[in-house]
Amino acid sequence: AYYQKLRGHMLQAAPHQTPDPLVAVLSPGPYSSTYFEHTFMSALQGFELVQGHDLLVKDEYVWLKTMSGLEKVDVIIRHVDDSYCDPLSLRADSQLGVAGLLEVARAGNVTLANPLGSGVLENPGLMAFMPAIAKYFLGEDLLLPNIASWWCGQAKELNYVIEHIERLVIKDLHKTGPGKTV
């Protein structure tokens, strides 16, 4: 049911109410550790699995290159890190993204299902606050319980962590390279 519901949401997310929207799963490719998930999701839902070089920007739209010509892309489920998504606007050395993608998104001609900046939600520093965030923005509790987490910027939580440090997993908040868990 989850994949059917997600598919429905992605099809409805097309910016111009296209009768048969094209949804693409943008993957960094087979060398990504999550490539299996990208292929599984796209195959299960009937979405196109693409890499940056499969797409191009022309006339303020994103197009998929196919054997029969160009097809307009309506929705992109992005699995390429923010800074690599558009070599024109972000990292010029990126070979993973689509040149001009941000311009098309700003024009409202493609929907990025997970827009740039949404990766902030993956920061482990937010874990301690997720229940309150869900309550504030959604008006409801999380459906699945959150893993016990403590933000050491608060005195009570810091004291708890110091007292129980031998039994806890400590994670760095900043991903500047391969992550290290203590």
N, C-alpha and C. Protein backbone atom coordinates (compact mmCIF):
# COMPACT_ATOMS: atom_id res chain seq x y z
N ALA A 1 0.82 -1.19 0.00
CA ALA A 1 0.00 0.00 0.00
C ALA A 1 0.87 1.26 0.00
N TYR A 2 2.02 1.19 0.68
CA TYR A 2 2.90 2.36 0.74
C TYR A 2 3.33 2.80 -0.65
N TYR A 3 3.79 1.84 -1.46
CA TYR A 3 4.28 2.19 -2.79
C TYR A 3 3.15 2.67 -3.71
N GLN A 4 1.97 2.12 -3.55
CA GLN A 4 0.83 2.59 -4.35
C GLN A 4 0.47 4.03 -3.97
N LYS A 5 0.49 4.32 -2.68
CA LYS A 5 0.17 5.67 -2.21
C LYS A 5 1.25 6.66 -2.67
N LEU A 6 2.51 6.26 -2.55
CA LEU A 6 3.61 7.11 -3.00
C LEU A 6 3.51 7.37 -4.49
N ARG A 7 3.22 6.33 -5.26
CA ARG A 7 3.06 6.49 -6.71
C ARG A 7 1.96 7.51 -7.02
N GLY A 8 0.84 7.40 -6.35
CA GLY A 8 -0.26 8.32 -6.56
C GLY A 8 0.14 9.76 -6.25
N HIS A 9 0.85 9.95 -5.15
CA HIS A 9 1.30 11.30 -4.78
C HIS A 9 2.27 11.86 -5.82
N MET A 10 3.17 11.03 -6.31
CA MET A 10 4.15 11.50 -7.30
C MET A 10 3.46 11.88 -8.61
N LEU A 11 2.48 11.10 -9.01
CA LEU A 11 1.76 11.41 -10.25
C LEU A 11 0.94 12.71 -10.09
N GLN A 12 0.40 12.94 -8.91
CA GLN A 12 -0.36 14.17 -8.66
C GLN A 12 0.53 15.39 -8.51
N ALA A 13 1.82 15.17 -8.27
CA ALA A 13 2.74 16.28 -8.03
C ALA A 13 3.19 16.97 -9.31
N ALA A 14 2.81 16.46 -10.46
CA ALA A 14 3.20 17.07 -11.73
C ALA A 14 2.74 18.53 -11.76
N PRO A 15 3.61 19.44 -12.19
CA PRO A 15 3.30 20.87 -12.08
C PRO A 15 2.17 21.39 -12.97
N HIS A 16 1.89 20.77 -14.07
CA HIS A 16 0.89 21.32 -15.00
C HIS A 16 -0.28 20.37 -15.24
N GLN A 17 -0.61 19.56 -14.23
CA GLN A 17 -1.73 18.63 -14.32
C GLN A 17 -1.72 17.83 -15.63
N THR A 18 -0.55 17.32 -15.95
CA THR A 18 -0.37 16.50 -17.14
C THR A 18 -1.17 15.22 -17.00
N PRO A 19 -1.89 14.80 -18.04
CA PRO A 19 -2.72 13.58 -17.92
C PRO A 19 -1.90 12.31 -17.67
N ASP A 20 -0.71 12.22 -18.21
CA ASP A 20 0.14 11.03 -18.03
C ASP A 20 1.55 11.50 -17.68
N PRO A 21 1.77 11.96 -16.44
CA PRO A 21 3.07 12.54 -16.09
C PRO A 21 4.20 11.52 -16.08
N LEU A 22 5.38 12.00 -16.45
CA LEU A 22 6.57 11.17 -16.42
C LEU A 22 7.33 11.48 -15.13
N VAL A 23 7.51 10.45 -14.32
CA VAL A 23 8.24 10.56 -13.05
C VAL A 23 9.57 9.86 -13.23
N ALA A 24 10.65 10.55 -12.85
CA ALA A 24 11.99 9.99 -12.97
C ALA A 24 12.64 9.89 -11.60
N VAL A 25 13.32 8.78 -11.36
CA VAL A 25 14.11 8.59 -10.14
C VAL A 25 15.55 8.90 -10.52
N LEU A 26 16.07 10.04 -10.04
CA LEU A 26 17.42 10.48 -10.37
C LEU A 26 18.40 9.87 -9.39
N SER A 27 19.25 8.99 -9.90
CA SER A 27 20.22 8.25 -9.10
C SER A 27 21.64 8.65 -9.49
N PRO A 28 22.57 8.60 -8.54
CA PRO A 28 23.96 8.84 -8.91
C PRO A 28 24.55 7.67 -9.71
N GLY A 29 23.86 6.54 -9.73
CA GLY A 29 24.31 5.43 -10.56
C GLY A 29 24.70 4.20 -9.77
N PRO A 30 25.19 3.18 -10.48
CA PRO A 30 25.44 1.87 -9.87
C PRO A 30 26.55 1.85 -8.82
N TYR A 31 27.36 2.88 -8.72
CA TYR A 31 28.40 2.91 -7.70
C TYR A 31 27.89 3.46 -6.37
N SER A 32 26.65 3.90 -6.34
CA SER A 32 26.04 4.39 -5.10
C SER A 32 25.67 3.20 -4.21
N SER A 33 25.85 3.36 -2.91
CA SER A 33 25.51 2.28 -1.98
C SER A 33 24.00 2.04 -1.91
N THR A 34 23.21 2.99 -2.37
CA THR A 34 21.75 2.84 -2.33
C THR A 34 21.15 2.60 -3.71
N TYR A 35 21.98 2.24 -4.67
CA TYR A 35 21.50 2.04 -6.04
C TYR A 35 20.43 0.95 -6.13
N PHE A 36 20.57 -0.11 -5.34
CA PHE A 36 19.56 -1.16 -5.36
C PHE A 36 18.19 -0.60 -4.99
N GLU A 37 18.14 0.28 -3.98
CA GLU A 37 16.87 0.89 -3.59
C GLU A 37 16.29 1.72 -4.73
N HIS A 38 17.15 2.44 -5.44
CA HIS A 38 16.68 3.27 -6.56
C HIS A 38 16.08 2.40 -7.66
N THR A 39 16.77 1.30 -7.99
CA THR A 39 16.27 0.42 -9.05
C THR A 39 14.99 -0.28 -8.62
N PHE A 40 14.95 -0.72 -7.38
CA PHE A 40 13.76 -1.41 -6.86
C PHE A 40 12.55 -0.49 -6.88
N MET A 41 12.74 0.73 -6.35
CA MET A 41 11.64 1.69 -6.28
C MET A 41 11.12 2.06 -7.66
N SER A 42 12.04 2.32 -8.57
CA SER A 42 11.61 2.72 -9.92
C SER A 42 10.91 1.57 -10.64
N ALA A 43 11.42 0.36 -10.51
CA ALA A 43 10.80 -0.78 -11.19
C ALA A 43 9.43 -1.09 -10.59
N LEU A 44 9.32 -1.05 -9.27
CA LEU A 44 8.06 -1.38 -8.60
C LEU A 44 6.96 -0.38 -8.95
N GLN A 45 7.33 0.87 -9.13
CA GLN A 45 6.33 1.91 -9.36
C GLN A 45 6.19 2.31 -10.82
N GLY A 46 7.01 1.75 -11.67
CA GLY A 46 6.91 2.10 -13.08
C GLY A 46 7.48 3.46 -13.41
N PHE A 47 8.42 3.94 -12.59
CA PHE A 47 9.07 5.22 -12.83
C PHE A 47 10.37 4.98 -13.60
N GLU A 48 10.79 5.99 -14.33
CA GLU A 48 12.04 5.89 -15.08
C GLU A 48 13.23 6.05 -14.14
N LEU A 49 14.17 5.12 -14.17
CA LEU A 49 15.41 5.24 -13.42
C LEU A 49 16.41 5.95 -14.32
N VAL A 50 16.91 7.10 -13.87
CA VAL A 50 17.79 7.90 -14.71
C VAL A 50 19.01 8.35 -13.92
N GLN A 51 20.03 8.72 -14.68
CA GLN A 51 21.20 9.40 -14.14
C GLN A 51 21.25 10.77 -14.81
N GLY A 52 22.08 11.65 -14.29
CA GLY A 52 22.13 13.00 -14.79
C GLY A 52 22.32 13.10 -16.29
N HIS A 53 23.14 12.24 -16.86
CA HIS A 53 23.42 12.31 -18.31
C HIS A 53 22.24 11.84 -19.17
N ASP A 54 21.22 11.25 -18.54
CA ASP A 54 20.02 10.83 -19.27
C ASP A 54 19.04 11.98 -19.47
N LEU A 55 19.27 13.08 -18.76
CA LEU A 55 18.35 14.21 -18.78
C LEU A 55 19.04 15.44 -19.36
N LEU A 56 18.23 16.34 -19.91
CA LEU A 56 18.76 17.62 -20.35
C LEU A 56 17.72 18.69 -20.16
N VAL A 57 18.19 19.92 -20.03
CA VAL A 57 17.29 21.06 -19.88
C VAL A 57 17.25 21.79 -21.21
N LYS A 58 16.01 22.04 -21.67
CA LYS A 58 15.81 22.76 -22.93
C LYS A 58 14.50 23.51 -22.81
N ASP A 59 14.50 24.79 -23.17
CA ASP A 59 13.28 25.62 -23.15
C ASP A 59 12.59 25.61 -21.78
N GLU A 60 13.37 25.66 -20.72
CA GLU A 60 12.88 25.69 -19.34
C GLU A 60 12.10 24.44 -18.92
N TYR A 61 12.41 23.31 -19.53
CA TYR A 61 11.84 22.03 -19.13
C TYR A 61 12.97 21.02 -19.02
N VAL A 62 12.73 19.95 -18.25
CA VAL A 62 13.66 18.84 -18.18
C VAL A 62 13.16 17.77 -19.13
N TRP A 63 14.07 17.23 -19.91
CA TRP A 63 13.72 16.21 -20.91
C TRP A 63 14.52 14.94 -20.68
N LEU A 64 13.87 13.81 -20.89
CA LEU A 64 14.51 12.50 -20.85
C LEU A 64 14.89 12.13 -22.27
N LYS A 65 16.15 11.76 -22.45
CA LYS A 65 16.60 11.32 -23.77
C LYS A 65 16.19 9.86 -23.96
N THR A 66 15.42 9.57 -24.99
CA THR A 66 15.01 8.20 -25.28
C THR A 66 15.37 7.87 -26.73
N MET A 67 15.25 6.63 -27.09
CA MET A 67 15.54 6.20 -28.46
C MET A 67 14.57 6.83 -29.46
N SER A 68 13.36 7.18 -28.99
CA SER A 68 12.37 7.76 -29.90
C SER A 68 12.30 9.29 -29.79
N GLY A 69 13.25 9.89 -29.07
CA GLY A 69 13.28 11.34 -28.95
C GLY A 69 13.18 11.79 -27.50
N LEU A 70 12.95 13.07 -27.32
CA LEU A 70 12.87 13.65 -25.98
C LEU A 70 11.47 13.51 -25.40
N GLU A 71 11.41 13.20 -24.09
CA GLU A 71 10.14 13.14 -23.37
C GLU A 71 10.23 14.07 -22.18
N LYS A 72 9.21 14.90 -21.98
CA LYS A 72 9.21 15.87 -20.90
C LYS A 72 9.07 15.15 -19.55
N VAL A 73 9.92 15.53 -18.61
CA VAL A 73 9.89 14.99 -17.25
C VAL A 73 9.08 15.94 -16.39
N ASP A 74 8.13 15.40 -15.64
CA ASP A 74 7.26 16.22 -14.81
C ASP A 74 7.68 16.23 -13.34
N VAL A 75 8.13 15.08 -12.86
CA VAL A 75 8.48 14.94 -11.44
C VAL A 75 9.81 14.20 -11.36
N ILE A 76 10.69 14.68 -10.47
CA ILE A 76 11.97 14.01 -10.22
C ILE A 76 12.05 13.66 -8.74
N ILE A 77 12.27 12.37 -8.48
CA ILE A 77 12.57 11.91 -7.13
C ILE A 77 14.10 11.86 -7.08
N ARG A 78 14.67 12.76 -6.32
CA ARG A 78 16.11 13.02 -6.36
C ARG A 78 16.87 12.21 -5.31
N HIS A 79 17.85 11.44 -5.79
CA HIS A 79 18.75 10.70 -4.89
C HIS A 79 20.19 11.14 -5.11
N VAL A 80 20.36 12.32 -5.62
CA VAL A 80 21.68 12.93 -5.79
C VAL A 80 21.77 14.04 -4.75
N ASP A 81 22.88 14.09 -4.02
CA ASP A 81 23.05 15.11 -2.99
C ASP A 81 22.85 16.51 -3.55
N ASP A 82 22.34 17.38 -2.69
CA ASP A 82 22.01 18.76 -3.08
C ASP A 82 23.08 19.42 -3.94
N SER A 83 24.29 19.46 -3.45
CA SER A 83 25.33 20.25 -4.12
C SER A 83 25.74 19.67 -5.48
N TYR A 84 25.37 18.43 -5.76
CA TYR A 84 25.74 17.80 -7.03
C TYR A 84 24.61 17.82 -8.06
N CYS A 85 23.45 18.39 -7.70
CA CYS A 85 22.27 18.32 -8.56
C CYS A 85 22.34 19.15 -9.84
N ASP A 86 23.05 20.27 -9.78
CA ASP A 86 23.06 21.18 -10.92
C ASP A 86 24.44 21.82 -11.05
N PRO A 87 25.25 21.35 -12.02
CA PRO A 87 26.59 21.91 -12.16
C PRO A 87 26.61 23.38 -12.60
N LEU A 88 25.51 23.91 -13.10
CA LEU A 88 25.48 25.33 -13.47
C LEU A 88 25.29 26.21 -12.24
N SER A 89 24.46 25.79 -11.32
CA SER A 89 24.14 26.61 -10.15
C SER A 89 24.91 26.23 -8.90
N LEU A 90 25.39 25.01 -8.82
CA LEU A 90 26.01 24.54 -7.59
C LEU A 90 27.46 24.13 -7.83
N ARG A 91 27.76 22.87 -7.83
CA ARG A 91 29.14 22.42 -8.03
C ARG A 91 29.43 22.24 -9.52
N ALA A 92 30.32 23.05 -10.03
CA ALA A 92 30.65 23.00 -11.46
C ALA A 92 31.31 21.68 -11.84
N ASP A 93 31.92 21.00 -10.88
CA ASP A 93 32.61 19.74 -11.18
C ASP A 93 31.69 18.52 -11.11
N SER A 94 30.41 18.73 -10.84
CA SER A 94 29.49 17.60 -10.71
C SER A 94 29.20 16.95 -12.06
N GLN A 95 29.27 15.64 -12.06
CA GLN A 95 28.90 14.85 -13.24
C GLN A 95 27.61 14.06 -12.96
N LEU A 96 27.03 14.30 -11.79
CA LEU A 96 25.87 13.52 -11.37
C LEU A 96 24.54 14.20 -11.65
N GLY A 97 24.54 15.51 -11.70
CA GLY A 97 23.30 16.26 -11.81
C GLY A 97 22.92 16.61 -13.23
N VAL A 98 22.02 17.58 -13.32
CA VAL A 98 21.48 18.03 -14.60
C VAL A 98 21.72 19.53 -14.70
N ALA A 99 22.48 19.94 -15.71
CA ALA A 99 22.78 21.37 -15.89
C ALA A 99 21.49 22.14 -16.16
N GLY A 100 21.19 23.10 -15.28
CA GLY A 100 20.00 23.92 -15.44
C GLY A 100 18.79 23.45 -14.65
N LEU A 101 18.92 22.38 -13.88
CA LEU A 101 17.79 21.81 -13.14
C LEU A 101 17.14 22.82 -12.20
N LEU A 102 17.94 23.61 -11.50
CA LEU A 102 17.36 24.57 -10.55
C LEU A 102 16.55 25.65 -11.25
N GLU A 103 16.99 26.06 -12.41
CA GLU A 103 16.24 27.06 -13.18
C GLU A 103 14.86 26.53 -13.56
N VAL A 104 14.79 25.29 -13.98
CA VAL A 104 13.51 24.68 -14.35
C VAL A 104 12.61 24.53 -13.12
N ALA A 105 13.19 24.13 -11.99
CA ALA A 105 12.41 24.00 -10.75
C ALA A 105 11.88 25.36 -10.31
N ARG A 106 12.72 26.39 -10.39
CA ARG A 106 12.27 27.74 -10.02
C ARG A 106 11.15 28.23 -10.93
N ALA A 107 11.19 27.84 -12.19
CA ALA A 107 10.15 28.25 -13.16
C ALA A 107 8.85 27.47 -12.93
N GLY A 108 8.90 26.43 -12.09
CA GLY A 108 7.71 25.64 -11.81
C GLY A 108 7.38 24.62 -12.88
N ASN A 109 8.39 24.25 -13.69
CA ASN A 109 8.14 23.33 -14.80
C ASN A 109 8.56 21.89 -14.50
N VAL A 110 9.07 21.65 -13.32
CA VAL A 110 9.34 20.29 -12.85
C VAL A 110 9.19 20.32 -11.34
N THR A 111 8.67 19.23 -10.80
CA THR A 111 8.54 19.11 -9.36
C THR A 111 9.68 18.24 -8.85
N LEU A 112 10.44 18.77 -7.91
CA LEU A 112 11.45 17.97 -7.22
C LEU A 112 10.76 17.43 -5.97
N ALA A 113 10.50 16.13 -5.96
CA ALA A 113 9.74 15.52 -4.87
C ALA A 113 10.44 15.73 -3.54
N ASN A 114 11.74 15.78 -3.56
CA ASN A 114 12.52 16.08 -2.36
C ASN A 114 13.45 17.24 -2.71
N PRO A 115 12.94 18.47 -2.53
CA PRO A 115 13.67 19.66 -2.98
C PRO A 115 15.00 19.84 -2.27
N LEU A 116 15.84 20.66 -2.87
CA LEU A 116 17.13 20.95 -2.27
C LEU A 116 16.93 21.51 -0.87
N GLY A 117 17.72 21.06 0.04
CA GLY A 117 17.61 21.48 1.44
C GLY A 117 16.87 20.48 2.29
N SER A 118 16.13 19.55 1.68
CA SER A 118 15.36 18.59 2.48
C SER A 118 16.27 17.58 3.18
N GLY A 119 17.52 17.49 2.76
CA GLY A 119 18.48 16.59 3.41
C GLY A 119 18.80 17.00 4.83
N VAL A 120 18.47 18.23 5.20
CA VAL A 120 18.71 18.69 6.56
C VAL A 120 17.98 17.78 7.55
N LEU A 121 16.90 17.17 7.12
CA LEU A 121 16.13 16.28 7.99
C LEU A 121 16.88 15.01 8.35
N GLU A 122 17.96 14.71 7.62
CA GLU A 122 18.76 13.52 7.91
C GLU A 122 19.80 13.77 8.99
N ASN A 123 19.95 15.01 9.42
CA ASN A 123 20.96 15.34 10.42
C ASN A 123 20.60 14.68 11.74
N PRO A 124 21.52 13.88 12.31
CA PRO A 124 21.21 13.19 13.56
C PRO A 124 20.92 14.14 14.72
N GLY A 125 21.32 15.41 14.61
CA GLY A 125 21.04 16.37 15.66
C GLY A 125 19.55 16.65 15.83
N LEU A 126 18.77 16.36 14.79
CA LEU A 126 17.32 16.58 14.87
C LEU A 126 16.58 15.43 15.52
N MET A 127 17.22 14.29 15.66
CA MET A 127 16.53 13.10 16.18
C MET A 127 15.85 13.36 17.52
N ALA A 128 16.53 14.07 18.40
CA ALA A 128 15.96 14.32 19.73
C ALA A 128 14.72 15.20 19.65
N PHE A 129 14.59 15.95 18.57
CA PHE A 129 13.49 16.91 18.45
C PHE A 129 12.36 16.44 17.52
N MET A 130 12.52 15.28 16.87
CA MET A 130 11.53 14.81 15.90
C MET A 130 10.12 14.68 16.46
N PRO A 131 9.93 14.13 17.66
CA PRO A 131 8.56 14.05 18.17
C PRO A 131 7.91 15.43 18.29
N ALA A 132 8.65 16.42 18.78
CA ALA A 132 8.09 17.77 18.92
C ALA A 132 7.88 18.43 17.56
N ILE A 133 8.78 18.17 16.62
CA ILE A 133 8.64 18.73 15.27
C ILE A 133 7.38 18.19 14.60
N ALA A 134 7.16 16.87 14.72
CA ALA A 134 5.97 16.25 14.12
C ALA A 134 4.70 16.83 14.76
N LYS A 135 4.72 16.97 16.05
CA LYS A 135 3.55 17.51 16.76
C LYS A 135 3.28 18.95 16.32
N TYR A 136 4.32 19.75 16.19
CA TYR A 136 4.16 21.16 15.83
C TYR A 136 3.65 21.32 14.39
N PHE A 137 4.32 20.64 13.43
CA PHE A 137 3.97 20.84 12.02
C PHE A 137 2.79 20.00 11.55
N LEU A 138 2.65 18.80 12.09
CA LEU A 138 1.59 17.91 11.63
C LEU A 138 0.42 17.81 12.60
N GLY A 139 0.63 18.28 13.82
CA GLY A 139 -0.42 18.20 14.82
C GLY A 139 -0.68 16.78 15.30
N GLU A 140 0.28 15.91 15.14
CA GLU A 140 0.11 14.52 15.57
C GLU A 140 1.44 13.92 15.97
N ASP A 141 1.36 12.79 16.69
CA ASP A 141 2.57 12.09 17.11
C ASP A 141 3.14 11.28 15.96
N LEU A 142 4.42 10.94 16.07
CA LEU A 142 5.05 10.06 15.07
C LEU A 142 4.35 8.70 15.10
N LEU A 143 4.21 8.07 13.95
CA LEU A 143 3.58 6.75 13.89
C LEU A 143 4.50 5.68 14.47
N LEU A 144 5.79 5.83 14.23
CA LEU A 144 6.78 4.91 14.79
C LEU A 144 7.55 5.64 15.87
N PRO A 145 7.84 4.97 16.97
CA PRO A 145 8.57 5.66 18.03
C PRO A 145 9.98 6.05 17.56
N ASN A 146 10.43 7.16 18.05
CA ASN A 146 11.76 7.67 17.73
C ASN A 146 12.80 6.93 18.57
N ILE A 147 13.99 6.73 18.04
CA ILE A 147 15.06 6.16 18.82
C ILE A 147 15.45 7.16 19.90
N ALA A 148 15.76 6.67 21.08
CA ALA A 148 16.13 7.56 22.18
C ALA A 148 17.36 8.37 21.77
N SER A 149 17.24 9.68 21.87
CA SER A 149 18.32 10.59 21.46
C SER A 149 18.38 11.76 22.42
N TRP A 150 19.59 12.27 22.62
CA TRP A 150 19.78 13.39 23.52
C TRP A 150 20.62 14.45 22.83
N TRP A 151 20.16 15.68 22.88
CA TRP A 151 20.89 16.82 22.33
C TRP A 151 21.74 17.38 23.47
N CYS A 152 23.05 17.32 23.32
CA CYS A 152 23.95 17.71 24.40
C CYS A 152 24.07 19.22 24.57
N GLY A 153 23.33 19.99 23.84
CA GLY A 153 23.30 21.43 24.03
C GLY A 153 22.35 21.85 25.14
N GLN A 154 21.72 20.88 25.77
CA GLN A 154 20.82 21.14 26.89
C GLN A 154 21.42 20.49 28.13
N ALA A 155 21.43 21.20 29.24
CA ALA A 155 22.14 20.75 30.45
C ALA A 155 21.67 19.37 30.94
N LYS A 156 20.36 19.18 31.05
CA LYS A 156 19.82 17.91 31.56
C LYS A 156 20.25 16.73 30.67
N GLU A 157 20.12 16.91 29.35
CA GLU A 157 20.48 15.86 28.40
C GLU A 157 21.98 15.60 28.40
N LEU A 158 22.77 16.68 28.47
CA LEU A 158 24.23 16.53 28.53
C LEU A 158 24.64 15.73 29.76
N ASN A 159 24.06 16.03 30.90
CA ASN A 159 24.39 15.28 32.12
C ASN A 159 24.04 13.81 31.98
N TYR A 160 22.89 13.51 31.37
CA TYR A 160 22.50 12.12 31.15
C TYR A 160 23.53 11.41 30.27
N VAL A 161 23.94 12.06 29.19
CA VAL A 161 24.91 11.46 28.27
C VAL A 161 26.23 11.22 28.99
N ILE A 162 26.70 12.17 29.75
CA ILE A 162 27.98 12.01 30.47
C ILE A 162 27.89 10.85 31.45
N GLU A 163 26.77 10.73 32.16
CA GLU A 163 26.59 9.67 33.14
C GLU A 163 26.49 8.28 32.50
N HIS A 164 26.02 8.20 31.26
CA HIS A 164 25.79 6.91 30.61
C HIS A 164 26.60 6.72 29.33
N ILE A 165 27.66 7.45 29.19
CA ILE A 165 28.39 7.49 27.91
C ILE A 165 28.90 6.12 27.47
N GLU A 166 29.22 5.25 28.42
CA GLU A 166 29.74 3.92 28.06
C GLU A 166 28.68 3.04 27.39
N ARG A 167 27.40 3.39 27.53
CA ARG A 167 26.33 2.59 26.94
C ARG A 167 25.67 3.25 25.74
N LEU A 168 26.17 4.40 25.32
CA LEU A 168 25.53 5.17 24.26
C LEU A 168 26.36 5.19 22.98
N VAL A 169 25.69 5.45 21.88
CA VAL A 169 26.35 5.66 20.59
C VAL A 169 26.41 7.17 20.37
N ILE A 170 27.60 7.67 20.13
CA ILE A 170 27.79 9.11 19.93
C ILE A 170 28.02 9.35 18.45
N LYS A 171 27.27 10.28 17.86
CA LYS A 171 27.41 10.57 16.44
C LYS A 171 27.78 12.03 16.22
N ASP A 172 28.61 12.25 15.21
CA ASP A 172 28.98 13.58 14.80
C ASP A 172 27.82 14.19 14.02
N LEU A 173 27.58 15.46 14.20
CA LEU A 173 26.48 16.12 13.50
C LEU A 173 26.85 16.58 12.10
N HIS A 174 28.12 16.73 11.84
CA HIS A 174 28.57 17.29 10.57
C HIS A 174 29.16 16.20 9.69
N LYS A 175 28.59 16.02 8.51
CA LYS A 175 29.11 15.03 7.56
C LYS A 175 30.09 15.72 6.63
N THR A 176 31.34 15.69 6.99
CA THR A 176 32.36 16.29 6.13
C THR A 176 33.13 15.22 5.39
N GLY A 177 32.89 14.03 5.67
CA GLY A 177 33.57 12.90 5.02
C GLY A 177 32.89 11.64 5.49
N PRO A 178 33.57 10.49 5.37
CA PRO A 178 32.96 9.25 5.86
C PRO A 178 32.64 9.38 7.35
N GLY A 179 31.40 9.07 7.70
CA GLY A 179 30.95 9.22 9.07
C GLY A 179 31.64 8.26 10.02
N LYS A 180 31.80 8.68 11.25
CA LYS A 180 32.43 7.85 12.26
C LYS A 180 31.50 7.81 13.46
N THR A 181 31.16 6.64 13.91
CA THR A 181 30.33 6.47 15.08
C THR A 181 31.19 5.97 16.21
N VAL A 182 31.08 6.60 17.38
CA VAL A 182 31.88 6.21 18.54
C VAL A 182 31.05 5.29 19.41
